[in-house]
Amino acid sequence: MLVYCNNIVLADKVRIANNFFSRFVGLMGRKKLDSGEGLFLLGTPSIHCFFMKITIDAIYLSKDMKVLGVETLRPWRMGKYMKKTAHVLELKEGTALNVRVGDRIVLEICS
């Protein structure tokens, strides 16, 4: 899956986590994220980085994919809780530097 923001590709190798197990496991066990990799957590209002080994950028999204917040999370930290968060996009640290609250994220499924 491709992920865009402001007509710029943020990531081109994003997996979708759309059930309890895939959201729970998330990026645990990963030793690194390569450029372009990420995880889109569908239907997730909050995240944590317990048991993770890597630092990530987290983008909190509304149902209509509007950016509600962006933060960098280190291992063993809890993410922000924002009332209207419907989904969370986890990306390699430093990927979301130019993403701002109010921007829209666009997802494109690759065949």
C-alpha atoms as a PDB file:
ATOM      1  CA  MET A   1       0.000   0.000   0.000  1.00  0.00           C
ATOM      2  CA  LEU A   2       1.218   3.509  -0.826  1.00  0.00           C
ATOM      3  CA  VAL A   3       0.706   6.361   1.618  1.00  0.00           C
ATOM      4  CA  TYR A   4       0.659  10.003   0.496  1.00  0.00           C
ATOM      5  CA  CYS A   5       0.443  13.327   2.299  1.00  0.00           C
ATOM      6  CA  ASN A   6       0.391  16.614   0.393  1.00  0.00           C
ATOM      7  CA  ASN A   7       1.103  14.703  -2.853  1.00  0.00           C
ATOM      8  CA  ILE A   8       4.342  13.306  -1.390  1.00  0.00           C
ATOM      9  CA  VAL A   9       4.847   9.565  -0.888  1.00  0.00           C
ATOM     10  CA  LEU A  10       5.508   8.891   2.787  1.00  0.00           C
ATOM     11  CA  ALA A  11       5.761   5.121   2.422  1.00  0.00           C
ATOM     12  CA  ASP A  12       5.349   2.510  -0.279  1.00  0.00           C
ATOM     13  CA  LYS A  13       5.497  -0.723   1.720  1.00  0.00           C
ATOM     14  CA  VAL A  14       2.745  -0.326   4.309  1.00  0.00           C
ATOM     15  CA  ARG A  15       0.969  -3.336   5.783  1.00  0.00           C
ATOM     16  CA  ILE A  16      -2.599  -3.142   7.085  1.00  0.00           C
ATOM     17  CA  ALA A  17      -3.427  -4.372  10.579  1.00  0.00           C
ATOM     18  CA  ASN A  18      -7.197  -4.819  10.581  1.00  0.00           C
ATOM     19  CA  ASN A  19      -7.897  -7.419  13.272  1.00  0.00           C
ATOM     20  CA  PHE A  20      -7.132  -7.803  16.965  1.00  0.00           C
ATOM     21  CA  PHE A  21      -4.119 -10.065  16.504  1.00  0.00           C
ATOM     22  CA  SER A  22      -2.425  -8.054  13.739  1.00  0.00           C
ATOM     23  CA  ARG A  23      -2.977  -4.811  15.677  1.00  0.00           C
ATOM     24  CA  PHE A  24      -1.722  -6.372  18.928  1.00  0.00           C
ATOM     25  CA  VAL A  25       1.477  -7.730  17.363  1.00  0.00           C
ATOM     26  CA  GLY A  26       2.008  -4.588  15.283  1.00  0.00           C
ATOM     27  CA  LEU A  27       5.734  -3.929  14.888  1.00  0.00           C
ATOM     28  CA  MET A  28       6.840  -5.930  17.945  1.00  0.00           C
ATOM     29  CA  GLY A  29       9.934  -7.956  17.245  1.00  0.00           C
ATOM     30  CA  ARG A  30      11.117  -5.770  14.377  1.00  0.00           C
ATOM     31  CA  LYS A  31      14.749  -4.721  14.738  1.00  0.00           C
ATOM     32  CA  LYS A  32      14.380  -1.932  12.173  1.00  0.00           C
ATOM     33  CA  LEU A  33      12.041  -0.363   9.651  1.00  0.00           C
ATOM     34  CA  ASP A  34      13.440   0.290   6.214  1.00  0.00           C
ATOM     35  CA  SER A  35      12.609   3.484   4.333  1.00  0.00           C
ATOM     36  CA  GLY A  36       9.098   3.229   2.951  1.00  0.00           C
ATOM     37  CA  GLU A  37       7.910   0.617   5.454  1.00  0.00           C
ATOM     38  CA  GLY A  38       5.047   1.126   7.856  1.00  0.00           C
ATOM     39  CA  LEU A  39       1.918  -0.247   9.475  1.00  0.00           C
ATOM     40  CA  PHE A  40      -1.613   1.125   9.131  1.00  0.00           C
ATOM     41  CA  LEU A  41      -3.653   0.225  12.208  1.00  0.00           C
ATOM     42  CA  LEU A  42      -7.282   0.250  11.115  1.00  0.00           C
ATOM     43  CA  GLY A  43      -9.817   1.012  13.844  1.00  0.00           C
ATOM     44  CA  THR A  44      -7.242   1.810  16.537  1.00  0.00           C
ATOM     45  CA  PRO A  45      -7.743   4.834  18.811  1.00  0.00           C
ATOM     46  CA  SER A  46      -4.397   4.524  20.646  1.00  0.00           C
ATOM     47  CA  ILE A  47      -1.073   2.688  20.534  1.00  0.00           C
ATOM     48  CA  HIS A  48       1.836   1.649  22.703  1.00  0.00           C
ATOM     49  CA  CYS A  49       5.421   0.662  22.012  1.00  0.00           C
ATOM     50  CA  PHE A  50       5.774  -1.958  24.740  1.00  0.00           C
ATOM     51  CA  PHE A  51       8.087  -4.820  23.751  1.00  0.00           C
ATOM     52  CA  MET A  52       9.268  -2.863  20.697  1.00  0.00           C
ATOM     53  CA  LYS A  53      12.915  -2.349  19.782  1.00  0.00           C
ATOM     54  CA  ILE A  54      12.547   0.596  17.414  1.00  0.00           C
ATOM     55  CA  THR A  55      11.488   4.235  17.554  1.00  0.00           C
ATOM     56  CA  ILE A  56       8.598   5.134  15.234  1.00  0.00           C
ATOM     57  CA  ASP A  57       6.652   8.113  13.983  1.00  0.00           C
ATOM     58  CA  ALA A  58       2.946   7.777  14.771  1.00  0.00           C
ATOM     59  CA  ILE A  59       0.303   9.673  12.806  1.00  0.00           C
ATOM     60  CA  TYR A  60      -3.134   9.751  14.443  1.00  0.00           C
ATOM     61  CA  LEU A  61      -6.001   9.903  11.947  1.00  0.00           C
ATOM     62  CA  SER A  62      -9.732  10.621  11.983  1.00  0.00           C
ATOM     63  CA  LYS A  63     -12.252   8.428  10.141  1.00  0.00           C
ATOM     64  CA  ASP A  64     -11.873  10.646   7.072  1.00  0.00           C
ATOM     65  CA  MET A  65      -8.037  10.381   7.218  1.00  0.00           C
ATOM     66  CA  LYS A  66      -7.430  13.885   8.571  1.00  0.00           C
ATOM     67  CA  VAL A  67      -4.262  14.147  10.671  1.00  0.00           C
ATOM     68  CA  LEU A  68      -5.150  14.747  14.327  1.00  0.00           C
ATOM     69  CA  GLY A  69      -1.647  14.460  15.730  1.00  0.00           C
ATOM     70  CA  VAL A  70       1.908  13.339  15.027  1.00  0.00           C
ATOM     71  CA  GLU A  71       4.538  12.138  17.467  1.00  0.00           C
ATOM     72  CA  THR A  72       7.748  10.162  17.659  1.00  0.00           C
ATOM     73  CA  LEU A  73       7.554   7.238  20.080  1.00  0.00           C
ATOM     74  CA  ARG A  74      10.471   5.347  21.616  1.00  0.00           C
ATOM     75  CA  PRO A  75      10.225   1.753  22.812  1.00  0.00           C
ATOM     76  CA  TRP A  76       8.243   1.201  26.027  1.00  0.00           C
ATOM     77  CA  ARG A  77       6.204   4.399  25.661  1.00  0.00           C
ATOM     78  CA  MET A  78       2.459   4.996  25.400  1.00  0.00           C
ATOM     79  CA  GLY A  79       1.133   7.006  22.492  1.00  0.00           C
ATOM     80  CA  LYS A  80      -1.173  10.001  22.791  1.00  0.00           C
ATOM     81  CA  TYR A  81      -4.841   9.395  23.304  1.00  0.00           C
ATOM     82  CA  MET A  82      -6.976  11.677  21.159  1.00  0.00           C
ATOM     83  CA  LYS A  83     -10.715  11.494  21.379  1.00  0.00           C
ATOM     84  CA  LYS A  84     -11.488  11.324  17.641  1.00  0.00           C
ATOM     85  CA  THR A  85      -8.658   9.002  16.561  1.00  0.00           C
ATOM     86  CA  ALA A  86      -9.949   6.190  14.345  1.00  0.00           C
ATOM     87  CA  HIS A  87      -6.695   4.896  12.822  1.00  0.00           C
ATOM     88  CA  VAL A  88      -2.954   5.157  13.433  1.00  0.00           C
ATOM     89  CA  LEU A  89      -0.181   5.056  10.858  1.00  0.00           C
ATOM     90  CA  GLU A  90       3.199   3.892  12.159  1.00  0.00           C
ATOM     91  CA  LEU A  91       6.237   4.807  10.049  1.00  0.00           C
ATOM     92  CA  LYS A  92      10.013   4.795  10.261  1.00  0.00           C
ATOM     93  CA  GLU A  93      11.332   7.484  12.592  1.00  0.00           C
ATOM     94  CA  GLY A  94      11.782  10.786  10.753  1.00  0.00           C
ATOM     95  CA  THR A  95       9.285  10.000   7.977  1.00  0.00           C
ATOM     96  CA  ALA A  96       6.525  12.256   9.324  1.00  0.00           C
ATOM     97  CA  LEU A  97       8.632  15.393   9.815  1.00  0.00           C
ATOM     98  CA  ASN A  98       6.562  17.429   7.341  1.00  0.00           C
ATOM     99  CA  VAL A  99       3.137  16.026   8.272  1.00  0.00           C
ATOM    100  CA  ARG A 100       0.976  18.573  10.112  1.00  0.00           C
ATOM    101  CA  VAL A 101      -2.306  18.496  11.996  1.00  0.00           C
ATOM    102  CA  GLY A 102      -5.076  19.092   9.483  1.00  0.00           C
ATOM    103  CA  ASP A 103      -3.285  17.412   6.554  1.00  0.00           C
ATOM    104  CA  ARG A 104      -5.017  14.487   4.841  1.00  0.00           C
ATOM    105  CA  ILE A 105      -3.458  11.092   4.343  1.00  0.00           C
ATOM    106  CA  VAL A 106      -4.253   9.228   1.125  1.00  0.00           C
ATOM    107  CA  LEU A 107      -3.919   5.441   0.883  1.00  0.00           C
ATOM    108  CA  GLU A 108      -3.500   3.651  -2.412  1.00  0.00           C
ATOM    109  CA  ILE A 109      -3.744  -0.121  -2.610  1.00  0.00           C
ATOM    110  CA  CYS A 110      -1.087  -1.574  -4.914  1.00  0.00           C
ATOM    111  CA  SER A 111      -1.873  -4.630  -6.970  1.00  0.00           C
END
